[in-house]
Amino acid sequence: MKNWKTICCVILGLACQPGRSEETWRPERCELLPLPRQQVAFEVDGEEKLSWHFGSEYPRPFFYPLKGPSGVSLTRMGHPGAQNHDHHRSVWFAHHDVNGVSYWADSSKATIRQKHWYRYRDGDEEAVMASLLGWYDEEGQEVMEQDVFAALLPGEGGEYFLEIQTNCRPSPGAKPVELGKTNFGFFAVRVSKSLSHYFGGGVISNSEGQVGEKDIFGKAAKWMDYSGPVATGGGPDRKVVTEGITYFDHPHNPRYPTKWHVRSDGWMGASFCMDEGMTLSEESPITLRYLLHVHSGAYDSKVAGGVAERFGKRKSFVVAKSKQPHRQYEVWREGQMPEAEKK
């Protein structure tokens, strides 16, 4: 019988090599699923937590939804009361002043496009998407390249973490990039209507114990939290739970702890250039790292402190051409190169 099974496998072209049979294969906890219409789903145990959108119908890529432990998105597309803020697409990258051109508002013709993905890496501890973006001015000239590393790490009780690393540099052959002084950029979050303070029942808190827009806007902090009510379920089973997003600055980032642009209407962003701009050159690129903790319950400063400590100890990401068959690139954390890539 075993010989007959082996013959069938050969005839049908099935993978019956050691470690590849149906008896030994198992899914990894964290997976990336490329989808039609230029999307990538981030999943934990087969359940989508968030998706990356990079289609050309939008002026810049973004993540949506960003689901809470209840399964309801904690972010939204656009402002609840202002049509001129439709550029607030859930979780996104942008900057208001790059060489004097705005990559923030949709009124600008400047765009950010994904040029290609490097690697989709699944795993039990994390799934990592590494992609290359190009920033194009209003004439269509590419001025800046951006590597994006987005890692999904599972937590307890349906919680999870979205770790972001972005490496920015002038595009090949381009002039140095001037990042102007602005409150807007690089990485922003538009929370759901119910989570916002003004439109819902949300609360804004930071690492320094301050609460509310008035006391937090423009202040330096290690992290920021937006938590509030979320309606889940339907019909007679509809109920309200509390969930939130804690947004962390990494201690190795320049200008740490960052100053924050936060609003009671429902958005928060680390304002890297709030006080002054920066020049990027081939010799002086920039790497910024952030973390979003999608959590259940109200904000807990002790929990946030522990998350911040662990985040500060995690290594940054590296991407390089792969030496393995069927892979063009490989991504790993610094100092953790896979053995196959060392040969």
C-alpha atoms as a PDB file:
ATOM      1  CA  MET A   1       0.000   0.000   0.000  1.00  0.00           C
ATOM      2  CA  LYS A   2       2.847   2.402   0.840  1.00  0.00           C
ATOM      3  CA  ASN A   3       4.487   1.683  -2.523  1.00  0.00           C
ATOM      4  CA  TRP A   4       1.205   2.354  -4.314  1.00  0.00           C
ATOM      5  CA  LYS A   5       0.883   5.705  -2.478  1.00  0.00           C
ATOM      6  CA  THR A   6       4.418   6.615  -3.521  1.00  0.00           C
ATOM      7  CA  ILE A   7       3.655   5.773  -7.169  1.00  0.00           C
ATOM      8  CA  CYS A   8       0.513   7.918  -7.055  1.00  0.00           C
ATOM      9  CA  CYS A   9       2.466  10.820  -5.651  1.00  0.00           C
ATOM     10  CA  VAL A  10       5.013  10.602  -8.458  1.00  0.00           C
ATOM     11  CA  ILE A  11       2.319  10.350 -11.133  1.00  0.00           C
ATOM     12  CA  LEU A  12       0.325  13.275  -9.774  1.00  0.00           C
ATOM     13  CA  GLY A  13       3.392  15.405  -9.049  1.00  0.00           C
ATOM     14  CA  LEU A  14       2.592  15.710  -5.343  1.00  0.00           C
ATOM     15  CA  ALA A  15       5.261  16.834  -2.892  1.00  0.00           C
ATOM     16  CA  CYS A  16       6.035  13.680  -0.919  1.00  0.00           C
ATOM     17  CA  GLN A  17       9.550  14.658   0.157  1.00  0.00           C
ATOM     18  CA  PRO A  18      10.380  14.477   3.872  1.00  0.00           C
ATOM     19  CA  GLY A  19       8.767  17.373   5.723  1.00  0.00           C
ATOM     20  CA  ARG A  20       6.361  18.140   2.864  1.00  0.00           C
ATOM     21  CA  SER A  21       3.687  15.467   3.190  1.00  0.00           C
ATOM     22  CA  GLU A  22       0.125  16.172   4.255  1.00  0.00           C
ATOM     23  CA  GLU A  23       0.817  14.298   7.501  1.00  0.00           C
ATOM     24  CA  THR A  24       3.525  16.755   8.611  1.00  0.00           C
ATOM     25  CA  TRP A  25       2.472  20.061   7.041  1.00  0.00           C
ATOM     26  CA  ARG A  26       0.783  22.581   9.304  1.00  0.00           C
ATOM     27  CA  PRO A  27      -0.142  26.233   8.819  1.00  0.00           C
ATOM     28  CA  GLU A  28       1.907  28.957  10.466  1.00  0.00           C
ATOM     29  CA  ARG A  29       0.043  31.213  12.899  1.00  0.00           C
ATOM     30  CA  CYS A  30       0.773  34.498  11.120  1.00  0.00           C
ATOM     31  CA  GLU A  31       0.239  34.617   7.368  1.00  0.00           C
ATOM     32  CA  LEU A  32       0.163  37.113   4.519  1.00  0.00           C
ATOM     33  CA  LEU A  33      -2.381  36.542   1.761  1.00  0.00           C
ATOM     34  CA  PRO A  34      -2.005  38.500  -1.518  1.00  0.00           C
ATOM     35  CA  LEU A  35      -5.455  39.379  -2.864  1.00  0.00           C
ATOM     36  CA  PRO A  36      -6.920  40.772  -6.086  1.00  0.00           C
ATOM     37  CA  ARG A  37      -7.115  44.536  -6.582  1.00  0.00           C
ATOM     38  CA  GLN A  38      -3.603  45.011  -5.143  1.00  0.00           C
ATOM     39  CA  GLN A  39      -4.241  44.094  -1.541  1.00  0.00           C
ATOM     40  CA  VAL A  40      -2.472  41.959   1.043  1.00  0.00           C
ATOM     41  CA  ALA A  41      -4.361  40.488   4.021  1.00  0.00           C
ATOM     42  CA  PHE A  42      -2.553  40.024   7.355  1.00  0.00           C
ATOM     43  CA  GLU A  43      -3.953  37.013   9.213  1.00  0.00           C
ATOM     44  CA  VAL A  44      -3.532  35.353  12.608  1.00  0.00           C
ATOM     45  CA  ASP A  45      -4.815  31.776  12.911  1.00  0.00           C
ATOM     46  CA  GLY A  46      -6.688  32.198   9.632  1.00  0.00           C
ATOM     47  CA  GLU A  47      -8.488  35.409  10.675  1.00  0.00           C
ATOM     48  CA  GLU A  48      -7.822  38.703   8.901  1.00  0.00           C
ATOM     49  CA  LYS A  49      -6.628  41.457  11.226  1.00  0.00           C
ATOM     50  CA  LEU A  50      -5.714  44.130   8.686  1.00  0.00           C
ATOM     51  CA  SER A  51      -5.058  44.647   4.978  1.00  0.00           C
ATOM     52  CA  TRP A  52      -2.537  46.623   2.932  1.00  0.00           C
ATOM     53  CA  HIS A  53      -3.917  48.513  -0.096  1.00  0.00           C
ATOM     54  CA  PHE A  54      -1.536  49.741  -2.786  1.00  0.00           C
ATOM     55  CA  GLY A  55      -3.749  50.134  -5.863  1.00  0.00           C
ATOM     56  CA  SER A  56      -3.185  53.055  -8.243  1.00  0.00           C
ATOM     57  CA  GLU A  57      -6.774  54.283  -7.730  1.00  0.00           C
ATOM     58  CA  TYR A  58      -5.489  55.859  -4.497  1.00  0.00           C
ATOM     59  CA  PRO A  59      -2.765  58.537  -4.299  1.00  0.00           C
ATOM     60  CA  ARG A  60      -0.852  56.605  -1.643  1.00  0.00           C
ATOM     61  CA  PRO A  61      -0.963  53.144   0.032  1.00  0.00           C
ATOM     62  CA  PHE A  62      -2.696  52.495   3.358  1.00  0.00           C
ATOM     63  CA  PHE A  63      -3.828  49.819   5.822  1.00  0.00           C
ATOM     64  CA  TYR A  64      -7.557  49.141   6.210  1.00  0.00           C
ATOM     65  CA  PRO A  65      -9.231  47.723   8.191  1.00  0.00           C
ATOM     66  CA  LEU A  66      -7.342  47.576  11.482  1.00  0.00           C
ATOM     67  CA  LYS A  67      -9.632  45.219  13.381  1.00  0.00           C
ATOM     68  CA  GLY A  68      -9.881  45.152  17.150  1.00  0.00           C
ATOM     69  CA  PRO A  69     -10.155  41.912  19.163  1.00  0.00           C
ATOM     70  CA  SER A  70     -13.944  42.112  18.643  1.00  0.00           C
ATOM     71  CA  GLY A  71     -13.449  41.914  14.858  1.00  0.00           C
ATOM     72  CA  VAL A  72     -14.668  45.491  14.295  1.00  0.00           C
ATOM     73  CA  SER A  73     -12.294  47.974  12.629  1.00  0.00           C
ATOM     74  CA  LEU A  74     -10.817  50.528  15.026  1.00  0.00           C
ATOM     75  CA  THR A  75      -9.933  52.800  12.103  1.00  0.00           C
ATOM     76  CA  ARG A  76     -12.007  54.414   9.356  1.00  0.00           C
ATOM     77  CA  MET A  77     -11.690  55.864   5.874  1.00  0.00           C
ATOM     78  CA  GLY A  78     -11.874  59.657   6.118  1.00  0.00           C
ATOM     79  CA  HIS A  79     -13.086  62.212   8.634  1.00  0.00           C
ATOM     80  CA  PRO A  80     -16.613  61.793  10.099  1.00  0.00           C
ATOM     81  CA  GLY A  81     -17.535  65.417   9.384  1.00  0.00           C
ATOM     82  CA  ALA A  82     -15.153  66.954   6.847  1.00  0.00           C
ATOM     83  CA  GLN A  83     -15.025  65.894   3.182  1.00  0.00           C
ATOM     84  CA  ASN A  84     -11.704  67.707   2.692  1.00  0.00           C
ATOM     85  CA  HIS A  85     -10.059  65.110   4.935  1.00  0.00           C
ATOM     86  CA  ASP A  86     -10.681  62.070   2.743  1.00  0.00           C
ATOM     87  CA  HIS A  87      -6.906  61.670   2.577  1.00  0.00           C
ATOM     88  CA  HIS A  88      -7.176  60.286   6.140  1.00  0.00           C
ATOM     89  CA  ARG A  89      -7.222  56.668   4.991  1.00  0.00           C
ATOM     90  CA  SER A  90      -7.152  54.574   8.158  1.00  0.00           C
ATOM     91  CA  VAL A  91      -3.402  54.011   8.685  1.00  0.00           C
ATOM     92  CA  TRP A  92      -1.096  55.568   6.116  1.00  0.00           C
ATOM     93  CA  PHE A  93       2.278  57.079   5.183  1.00  0.00           C
ATOM     94  CA  ALA A  94       2.533  60.672   3.984  1.00  0.00           C
ATOM     95  CA  HIS A  95       4.392  63.952   4.532  1.00  0.00           C
ATOM     96  CA  HIS A  96       3.161  67.482   3.961  1.00  0.00           C
ATOM     97  CA  ASP A  97       6.441  68.964   2.707  1.00  0.00           C
ATOM     98  CA  VAL A  98       8.913  66.995   0.587  1.00  0.00           C
ATOM     99  CA  ASN A  99      11.052  69.347  -1.511  1.00  0.00           C
ATOM    100  CA  GLY A 100       8.278  71.915  -1.038  1.00  0.00           C
ATOM    101  CA  VAL A 101       5.577  69.561  -2.407  1.00  0.00           C
ATOM    102  CA  SER A 102       2.703  68.130  -0.348  1.00  0.00           C
ATOM    103  CA  TYR A 103       2.286  64.357  -0.263  1.00  0.00           C
ATOM    104  CA  TRP A 104      -0.415  64.726   2.380  1.00  0.00           C
ATOM    105  CA  ALA A 105      -3.627  66.126   0.912  1.00  0.00           C
ATOM    106  CA  ASP A 106      -5.483  64.708  -2.091  1.00  0.00           C
ATOM    107  CA  SER A 107      -5.483  68.191  -3.676  1.00  0.00           C
ATOM    108  CA  SER A 108      -1.815  67.627  -4.554  1.00  0.00           C
ATOM    109  CA  LYS A 109      -0.878  65.685  -7.696  1.00  0.00           C
ATOM    110  CA  ALA A 110       2.104  64.127  -5.927  1.00  0.00           C
ATOM    111  CA  THR A 111       1.768  60.374  -5.391  1.00  0.00           C
ATOM    112  CA  ILE A 112       3.309  57.470  -3.503  1.00  0.00           C
ATOM    113  CA  ARG A 113       3.363  54.187  -5.427  1.00  0.00           C
ATOM    114  CA  GLN A 114       4.437  50.677  -4.539  1.00  0.00           C
ATOM    115  CA  LYS A 115       7.161  49.727  -7.007  1.00  0.00           C
ATOM    116  CA  HIS A 116       7.309  46.079  -5.936  1.00  0.00           C
ATOM    117  CA  TRP A 117       7.266  43.810  -2.905  1.00  0.00           C
ATOM    118  CA  TYR A 118      10.475  42.228  -1.660  1.00  0.00           C
ATOM    119  CA  ARG A 119       9.172  39.412   0.517  1.00  0.00           C
ATOM    120  CA  TYR A 120       6.058  38.025   2.192  1.00  0.00           C
ATOM    121  CA  ARG A 121       7.324  35.940   5.120  1.00  0.00           C
ATOM    122  CA  ASP A 122       4.939  33.896   7.257  1.00  0.00           C
ATOM    123  CA  GLY A 123       5.736  32.523  10.699  1.00  0.00           C
ATOM    124  CA  ASP A 124       4.435  31.460  14.080  1.00  0.00           C
ATOM    125  CA  GLU A 125       5.848  34.489  15.902  1.00  0.00           C
ATOM    126  CA  GLU A 126       5.337  37.093  13.168  1.00  0.00           C
ATOM    127  CA  ALA A 127       4.502  37.634   9.520  1.00  0.00           C
ATOM    128  CA  VAL A 128       6.558  40.274   7.705  1.00  0.00           C
ATOM    129  CA  MET A 129       5.765  42.191   4.525  1.00  0.00           C
ATOM    130  CA  ALA A 130       8.677  44.067   2.956  1.00  0.00           C
ATOM    131  CA  SER A 131       7.858  46.430   0.059  1.00  0.00           C
ATOM    132  CA  LEU A 132       9.481  49.233  -1.914  1.00  0.00           C
ATOM    133  CA  LEU A 133       7.614  52.507  -2.469  1.00  0.00           C
ATOM    134  CA  GLY A 134       8.479  55.443  -4.717  1.00  0.00           C
ATOM    135  CA  TRP A 135       7.517  59.062  -4.017  1.00  0.00           C
ATOM    136  CA  TYR A 136       6.699  60.978  -7.233  1.00  0.00           C
ATOM    137  CA  ASP A 137       6.354  64.758  -7.510  1.00  0.00           C
ATOM    138  CA  GLU A 138       3.578  66.569  -9.372  1.00  0.00           C
ATOM    139  CA  GLU A 139       5.433  66.121 -12.670  1.00  0.00           C
ATOM    140  CA  GLY A 140       5.748  62.380 -12.114  1.00  0.00           C
ATOM    141  CA  GLN A 141       9.457  62.504 -11.271  1.00  0.00           C
ATOM    142  CA  GLU A 142      10.544  60.037  -8.584  1.00  0.00           C
ATOM    143  CA  VAL A 143      12.340  61.874  -5.776  1.00  0.00           C
ATOM    144  CA  MET A 144      12.421  59.429  -2.849  1.00  0.00           C
ATOM    145  CA  GLU A 145      12.422  55.680  -2.181  1.00  0.00           C
ATOM    146  CA  GLN A 146      10.857  54.143   0.900  1.00  0.00           C
ATOM    147  CA  ASP A 147      11.325  50.608   2.177  1.00  0.00           C
ATOM    148  CA  VAL A 148       8.320  49.536   4.245  1.00  0.00           C
ATOM    149  CA  PHE A 149       8.525  46.639   6.683  1.00  0.00           C
ATOM    150  CA  ALA A 150       5.196  45.726   8.281  1.00  0.00           C
ATOM    151  CA  ALA A 151       5.228  42.912  10.840  1.00  0.00           C
ATOM    152  CA  LEU A 152       2.135  41.345  12.391  1.00  0.00           C
ATOM    153  CA  LEU A 153       2.757  39.838  15.846  1.00  0.00           C
ATOM    154  CA  PRO A 154      -0.031  37.994  17.731  1.00  0.00           C
ATOM    155  CA  GLY A 155      -0.951  38.839  21.311  1.00  0.00           C
ATOM    156  CA  GLU A 156      -3.296  37.375  23.912  1.00  0.00           C
ATOM    157  CA  GLY A 157      -7.087  37.290  23.624  1.00  0.00           C
ATOM    158  CA  GLY A 158      -7.236  38.476  20.034  1.00  0.00           C
ATOM    159  CA  GLU A 159      -4.879  41.397  20.586  1.00  0.00           C
ATOM    160  CA  TYR A 160      -2.001  41.949  18.176  1.00  0.00           C
ATOM    161  CA  PHE A 161       0.817  44.295  17.195  1.00  0.00           C
ATOM    162  CA  LEU A 162       1.609  45.990  13.896  1.00  0.00           C
ATOM    163  CA  GLU A 163       5.300  46.857  13.856  1.00  0.00           C
ATOM    164  CA  ILE A 164       6.392  49.361  11.222  1.00  0.00           C
ATOM    165  CA  GLN A 165       9.870  50.180   9.951  1.00  0.00           C
ATOM    166  CA  THR A 166      10.364  52.687   7.160  1.00  0.00           C
ATOM    167  CA  ASN A 167      13.693  53.467   5.486  1.00  0.00           C
ATOM    168  CA  CYS A 168      13.703  56.650   3.355  1.00  0.00           C
ATOM    169  CA  ARG A 169      16.410  57.894   0.966  1.00  0.00           C
ATOM    170  CA  PRO A 170      16.686  59.870  -2.278  1.00  0.00           C
ATOM    171  CA  SER A 171      15.774  57.838  -5.351  1.00  0.00           C
ATOM    172  CA  PRO A 172      18.739  56.637  -7.449  1.00  0.00           C
ATOM    173  CA  GLY A 173      20.159  59.624  -9.318  1.00  0.00           C
ATOM    174  CA  ALA A 174      17.896  62.104  -7.522  1.00  0.00           C
ATOM    175  CA  LYS A 175      18.989  65.151  -5.538  1.00  0.00           C
ATOM    176  CA  PRO A 176      18.975  65.214  -1.726  1.00  0.00           C
ATOM    177  CA  VAL A 177      15.467  65.262  -0.273  1.00  0.00           C
ATOM    178  CA  GLU A 178      14.370  68.205   1.851  1.00  0.00           C
ATOM    179  CA  LEU A 179      11.783  67.286   4.469  1.00  0.00           C
ATOM    180  CA  GLY A 180      10.173  70.545   5.529  1.00  0.00           C
ATOM    181  CA  LYS A 181       9.036  71.602   8.991  1.00  0.00           C
ATOM    182  CA  THR A 182       5.443  70.336   9.400  1.00  0.00           C
ATOM    183  CA  ASN A 183       3.051  68.685  11.835  1.00  0.00           C
ATOM    184  CA  PHE A 184       1.939  66.214   9.160  1.00  0.00           C
ATOM    185  CA  GLY A 185       4.020  63.079   8.565  1.00  0.00           C
ATOM    186  CA  PHE A 186       5.253  60.326   8.317  1.00  0.00           C
ATOM    187  CA  PHE A 187       2.879  57.774   9.842  1.00  0.00           C
ATOM    188  CA  ALA A 188      -0.726  58.575  10.803  1.00  0.00           C
ATOM    189  CA  VAL A 189      -3.800  56.845  12.229  1.00  0.00           C
ATOM    190  CA  ARG A 190      -7.455  57.873  11.743  1.00  0.00           C
ATOM    191  CA  VAL A 191      -9.475  56.071  14.411  1.00  0.00           C
ATOM    192  CA  SER A 192     -13.097  54.980  14.054  1.00  0.00           C
ATOM    193  CA  LYS A 193     -15.949  57.381  14.819  1.00  0.00           C
ATOM    194  CA  SER A 194     -16.819  55.700  18.118  1.00  0.00           C
ATOM    195  CA  LEU A 195     -13.196  55.779  19.296  1.00  0.00           C
ATOM    196  CA  SER A 196     -12.800  59.516  18.665  1.00  0.00           C
ATOM    197  CA  HIS A 197     -13.340  61.859  21.600  1.00  0.00           C
ATOM    198  CA  TYR A 198     -15.514  64.394  19.761  1.00  0.00           C
ATOM    199  CA  PHE A 199     -17.682  62.075  17.656  1.00  0.00           C
ATOM    200  CA  GLY A 200     -17.718  59.087  20.018  1.00  0.00           C
ATOM    201  CA  GLY A 201     -16.688  58.246  23.546  1.00  0.00           C
ATOM    202  CA  GLY A 202     -12.928  57.875  23.167  1.00  0.00           C
ATOM    203  CA  VAL A 203     -10.110  59.065  25.418  1.00  0.00           C
ATOM    204  CA  ILE A 204      -6.632  60.231  24.320  1.00  0.00           C
ATOM    205  CA  SER A 205      -3.784  59.426  26.742  1.00  0.00           C
ATOM    206  CA  ASN A 206      -0.001  59.502  26.526  1.00  0.00           C
ATOM    207  CA  SER A 207       3.029  58.024  28.278  1.00  0.00           C
ATOM    208  CA  GLU A 208       3.440  61.119  30.455  1.00  0.00           C
ATOM    209  CA  GLY A 209       0.053  60.720  32.140  1.00  0.00           C
ATOM    210  CA  GLN A 210      -1.578  63.528  30.183  1.00  0.00           C
ATOM    211  CA  VAL A 211      -5.140  63.182  28.891  1.00  0.00           C
ATOM    212  CA  GLY A 212      -7.008  65.040  26.143  1.00  0.00           C
ATOM    213  CA  GLU A 213      -6.010  67.039  23.063  1.00  0.00           C
ATOM    214  CA  LYS A 214      -5.409  70.300  24.932  1.00  0.00           C
ATOM    215  CA  ASP A 215      -2.749  68.802  27.206  1.00  0.00           C
ATOM    216  CA  ILE A 216      -1.223  66.404  24.669  1.00  0.00           C
ATOM    217  CA  PHE A 217      -1.034  68.210  21.302  1.00  0.00           C
ATOM    218  CA  GLY A 218       2.554  69.131  20.401  1.00  0.00           C
ATOM    219  CA  LYS A 219       4.010  67.484  23.504  1.00  0.00           C
ATOM    220  CA  ALA A 220       6.814  64.916  23.469  1.00  0.00           C
ATOM    221  CA  ALA A 221       5.826  61.416  24.600  1.00  0.00           C
ATOM    222  CA  LYS A 222       7.056  57.843  24.226  1.00  0.00           C
ATOM    223  CA  TRP A 223       3.627  56.646  23.164  1.00  0.00           C
ATOM    224  CA  MET A 224       0.053  57.742  22.506  1.00  0.00           C
ATOM    225  CA  ASP A 225      -3.212  55.870  23.077  1.00  0.00           C
ATOM    226  CA  TYR A 226      -6.709  56.278  21.658  1.00  0.00           C
ATOM    227  CA  SER A 227      -9.278  54.017  23.354  1.00  0.00           C
ATOM    228  CA  GLY A 228     -13.061  54.008  23.464  1.00  0.00           C
ATOM    229  CA  PRO A 229     -16.346  52.213  22.856  1.00  0.00           C
ATOM    230  CA  VAL A 230     -16.850  49.772  19.988  1.00  0.00           C
ATOM    231  CA  ALA A 231     -20.225  48.378  18.900  1.00  0.00           C
ATOM    232  CA  THR A 232     -20.004  44.700  18.026  1.00  0.00           C
ATOM    233  CA  GLY A 233     -22.521  42.087  16.945  1.00  0.00           C
ATOM    234  CA  GLY A 234     -25.934  42.664  15.418  1.00  0.00           C
ATOM    235  CA  GLY A 235     -29.614  42.686  16.293  1.00  0.00           C
ATOM    236  CA  PRO A 236     -30.399  41.655  19.882  1.00  0.00           C
ATOM    237  CA  ASP A 237     -26.778  40.518  20.277  1.00  0.00           C
ATOM    238  CA  ARG A 238     -25.366  43.992  19.570  1.00  0.00           C
ATOM    239  CA  LYS A 239     -23.284  45.242  22.480  1.00  0.00           C
ATOM    240  CA  VAL A 240     -20.600  47.779  23.348  1.00  0.00           C
ATOM    241  CA  VAL A 241     -17.061  46.854  24.374  1.00  0.00           C
ATOM    242  CA  THR A 242     -13.947  48.952  24.978  1.00  0.00           C
ATOM    243  CA  GLU A 243     -10.900  48.633  22.716  1.00  0.00           C
ATOM    244  CA  GLY A 244      -8.069  50.841  21.577  1.00  0.00           C
ATOM    245  CA  ILE A 245      -4.799  51.498  19.762  1.00  0.00           C
ATOM    246  CA  THR A 246      -1.535  52.399  21.489  1.00  0.00           C
ATOM    247  CA  TYR A 247       0.986  54.000  19.123  1.00  0.00           C
ATOM    248  CA  PHE A 248       4.662  53.749  20.161  1.00  0.00           C
ATOM    249  CA  ASP A 249       7.732  55.692  19.088  1.00  0.00           C
ATOM    250  CA  HIS A 250      10.926  53.611  19.051  1.00  0.00           C
ATOM    251  CA  PRO A 251      13.773  54.754  21.344  1.00  0.00           C
ATOM    252  CA  HIS A 252      16.297  54.456  18.496  1.00  0.00           C
ATOM    253  CA  ASN A 253      14.360  56.908  16.312  1.00  0.00           C
ATOM    254  CA  PRO A 254      15.944  60.324  15.786  1.00  0.00           C
ATOM    255  CA  ARG A 255      14.290  63.006  17.963  1.00  0.00           C
ATOM    256  CA  TYR A 256      12.894  60.425  20.388  1.00  0.00           C
ATOM    257  CA  PRO A 257      10.563  60.889  22.163  1.00  0.00           C
ATOM    258  CA  THR A 258       8.634  62.401  19.283  1.00  0.00           C
ATOM    259  CA  LYS A 259       6.114  65.223  19.507  1.00  0.00           C
ATOM    260  CA  TRP A 260       2.560  64.278  18.606  1.00  0.00           C
ATOM    261  CA  HIS A 261      -0.171  65.736  16.442  1.00  0.00           C
ATOM    262  CA  VAL A 262      -3.398  64.438  17.987  1.00  0.00           C
ATOM    263  CA  ARG A 263      -6.962  65.627  17.628  1.00  0.00           C
ATOM    264  CA  SER A 264     -10.180  65.006  19.552  1.00  0.00           C
ATOM    265  CA  ASP A 265     -11.928  64.432  16.202  1.00  0.00           C
ATOM    266  CA  GLY A 266     -10.105  61.108  15.944  1.00  0.00           C
ATOM    267  CA  TRP A 267      -6.585  61.022  14.616  1.00  0.00           C
ATOM    268  CA  MET A 268      -3.012  60.786  15.878  1.00  0.00           C
ATOM    269  CA  GLY A 269       0.391  60.979  14.261  1.00  0.00           C
ATOM    270  CA  ALA A 270       4.028  61.075  15.322  1.00  0.00           C
ATOM    271  CA  SER A 271       5.201  64.505  14.098  1.00  0.00           C
ATOM    272  CA  PHE A 272       8.835  63.841  13.284  1.00  0.00           C
ATOM    273  CA  CYS A 273       9.300  67.272  11.678  1.00  0.00           C
ATOM    274  CA  MET A 274       7.124  69.361  14.015  1.00  0.00           C
ATOM    275  CA  ASP A 275      10.009  71.578  15.142  1.00  0.00           C
ATOM    276  CA  GLU A 276      12.437  71.366  12.239  1.00  0.00           C
ATOM    277  CA  GLY A 277      12.967  69.718   8.875  1.00  0.00           C
ATOM    278  CA  MET A 278      15.680  67.322   7.747  1.00  0.00           C
ATOM    279  CA  THR A 279      17.798  66.721   4.659  1.00  0.00           C
ATOM    280  CA  LEU A 280      18.098  63.153   3.360  1.00  0.00           C
ATOM    281  CA  SER A 281      21.009  62.198   1.138  1.00  0.00           C
ATOM    282  CA  GLU A 282      22.511  58.973  -0.162  1.00  0.00           C
ATOM    283  CA  GLU A 283      24.978  59.153   2.729  1.00  0.00           C
ATOM    284  CA  SER A 284      22.337  60.210   5.264  1.00  0.00           C
ATOM    285  CA  PRO A 285      19.072  58.241   4.847  1.00  0.00           C
ATOM    286  CA  ILE A 286      16.622  57.853   7.691  1.00  0.00           C
ATOM    287  CA  THR A 287      15.062  54.868   9.437  1.00  0.00           C
ATOM    288  CA  LEU A 288      11.961  55.283  11.601  1.00  0.00           C
ATOM    289  CA  ARG A 289      10.248  52.556  13.613  1.00  0.00           C
ATOM    290  CA  TYR A 290       6.770  52.579  15.151  1.00  0.00           C
ATOM    291  CA  LEU A 291       4.416  50.085  16.782  1.00  0.00           C
ATOM    292  CA  LEU A 292       0.632  49.885  17.009  1.00  0.00           C
ATOM    293  CA  HIS A 293      -0.761  47.737  19.817  1.00  0.00           C
ATOM    294  CA  VAL A 294      -4.382  46.831  19.081  1.00  0.00           C
ATOM    295  CA  HIS A 295      -5.797  46.011  22.498  1.00  0.00           C
ATOM    296  CA  SER A 296      -8.988  45.153  24.352  1.00  0.00           C
ATOM    297  CA  GLY A 297     -10.159  47.131  27.365  1.00  0.00           C
ATOM    298  CA  ALA A 298      -9.269  50.666  28.383  1.00  0.00           C
ATOM    299  CA  TYR A 299      -5.757  52.100  28.216  1.00  0.00           C
ATOM    300  CA  ASP A 300      -3.424  50.683  30.872  1.00  0.00           C
ATOM    301  CA  SER A 301      -0.171  52.592  31.401  1.00  0.00           C
ATOM    302  CA  LYS A 302       1.566  49.591  33.005  1.00  0.00           C
ATOM    303  CA  VAL A 303       0.723  47.351  30.064  1.00  0.00           C
ATOM    304  CA  ALA A 304       1.900  50.047  27.651  1.00  0.00           C
ATOM    305  CA  GLY A 305       5.156  50.403  29.557  1.00  0.00           C
ATOM    306  CA  GLY A 306       5.864  46.695  29.196  1.00  0.00           C
ATOM    307  CA  VAL A 307       5.057  46.766  25.481  1.00  0.00           C
ATOM    308  CA  ALA A 308       7.367  49.770  25.015  1.00  0.00           C
ATOM    309  CA  GLU A 309      10.210  47.995  26.803  1.00  0.00           C
ATOM    310  CA  ARG A 310       9.909  44.892  24.630  1.00  0.00           C
ATOM    311  CA  PHE A 311       9.589  46.964  21.448  1.00  0.00           C
ATOM    312  CA  GLY A 312      12.753  48.877  22.333  1.00  0.00           C
ATOM    313  CA  LYS A 313      14.713  45.621  22.542  1.00  0.00           C
ATOM    314  CA  ARG A 314      13.550  44.147  19.230  1.00  0.00           C
ATOM    315  CA  LYS A 315      15.996  44.265  16.358  1.00  0.00           C
ATOM    316  CA  SER A 316      15.340  46.211  13.166  1.00  0.00           C
ATOM    317  CA  PHE A 317      14.643  44.589   9.788  1.00  0.00           C
ATOM    318  CA  VAL A 318      17.086  43.920   6.955  1.00  0.00           C
ATOM    319  CA  VAL A 319      16.269  42.984   3.362  1.00  0.00           C
ATOM    320  CA  ALA A 320      18.688  41.590   0.774  1.00  0.00           C
ATOM    321  CA  LYS A 321      18.841  39.459  -2.350  1.00  0.00           C
ATOM    322  CA  SER A 322      18.183  35.846  -1.429  1.00  0.00           C
ATOM    323  CA  LYS A 323      20.528  32.919  -2.043  1.00  0.00           C
ATOM    324  CA  GLN A 324      17.676  30.417  -1.821  1.00  0.00           C
ATOM    325  CA  PRO A 325      15.827  28.998  -4.846  1.00  0.00           C
ATOM    326  CA  HIS A 326      12.447  30.479  -5.796  1.00  0.00           C
ATOM    327  CA  ARG A 327      13.038  33.608  -3.682  1.00  0.00           C
ATOM    328  CA  GLN A 328      14.322  36.894  -5.021  1.00  0.00           C
ATOM    329  CA  TYR A 329      14.679  38.587  -1.610  1.00  0.00           C
ATOM    330  CA  GLU A 330      14.797  37.589   2.040  1.00  0.00           C
ATOM    331  CA  VAL A 331      13.968  39.646   5.131  1.00  0.00           C
ATOM    332  CA  TRP A 332      15.186  39.071   8.667  1.00  0.00           C
ATOM    333  CA  ARG A 333      15.857  40.953  11.865  1.00  0.00           C
ATOM    334  CA  GLU A 334      19.351  42.349  12.342  1.00  0.00           C
ATOM    335  CA  GLY A 335      21.743  39.669  13.572  1.00  0.00           C
ATOM    336  CA  GLN A 336      19.268  36.881  12.790  1.00  0.00           C
ATOM    337  CA  MET A 337      20.147  35.993   9.203  1.00  0.00           C
ATOM    338  CA  PRO A 338      18.722  32.557   8.252  1.00  0.00           C
ATOM    339  CA  GLU A 339      21.358  29.837   7.994  1.00  0.00           C
ATOM    340  CA  ALA A 340      20.457  29.217   4.347  1.00  0.00           C
ATOM    341  CA  GLU A 341      21.401  32.835   3.519  1.00  0.00           C
ATOM    342  CA  LYS A 342      24.850  32.505   5.112  1.00  0.00           C
ATOM    343  CA  LYS A 343      25.994  29.762   2.726  1.00  0.00           C
END
